[in-house]
């Protein structure tokens, strides 16, 4: 019996639109591509989410990836509030699930700077019963440790939880830890799959 719904944030509750944020600076196409490869498309971006390096250390890694666009990298990373836009259904969905007696939690790979720059947009975090953000815990999905952490912290039985994430690898991580995992494709699909589970 499902009692708990665990939600990813990016591309589930918010549109992770880093490309749109980058485009807002009006850089020439070749420069924008270099900035993207040095930042959002680099492996170093995960270090934001992991939270083991300072913001300055991560920024320096980005610059080391392509020193020729240092100025543009600094401009892009200075304020990351533009990298998300909250989906119109986010609060409504959480409220609807809670109205059915479900407990709702967040489990998200999220960097500290992104969180602080975007936090004012994410009012839905006030509605949930608990949240685990990777930068605070120094571990990211799909590491088993982060799934075990949310279960332990909120005293959840894995078999009573369903987890929605847009990335298959993260869903597989949840399943590995006994949590029912569903790949999030869109709001309607997720609502329907949850309704079937709840009978």
Foldseek 3Di string as FASTA:
>chain_A
DAFAEEEECDPAFKDQALVVLLVVVVDPPVLSVLLCVLEVVDPLVLCLLLQPDDPVVSLVSSCVSPVPNNVSNCVSLVAPLPRIDGDPCNQVVLVVCVVVNHAYEYEYRHGPRNCVRNVVRPPSNVSHPYYDGNSVVSDHPPPLVSLVVVCVVVVHDQCNYEYEEQDPRRQVSSVVVSHHYDHDDDDVVVVVVVVVVVD
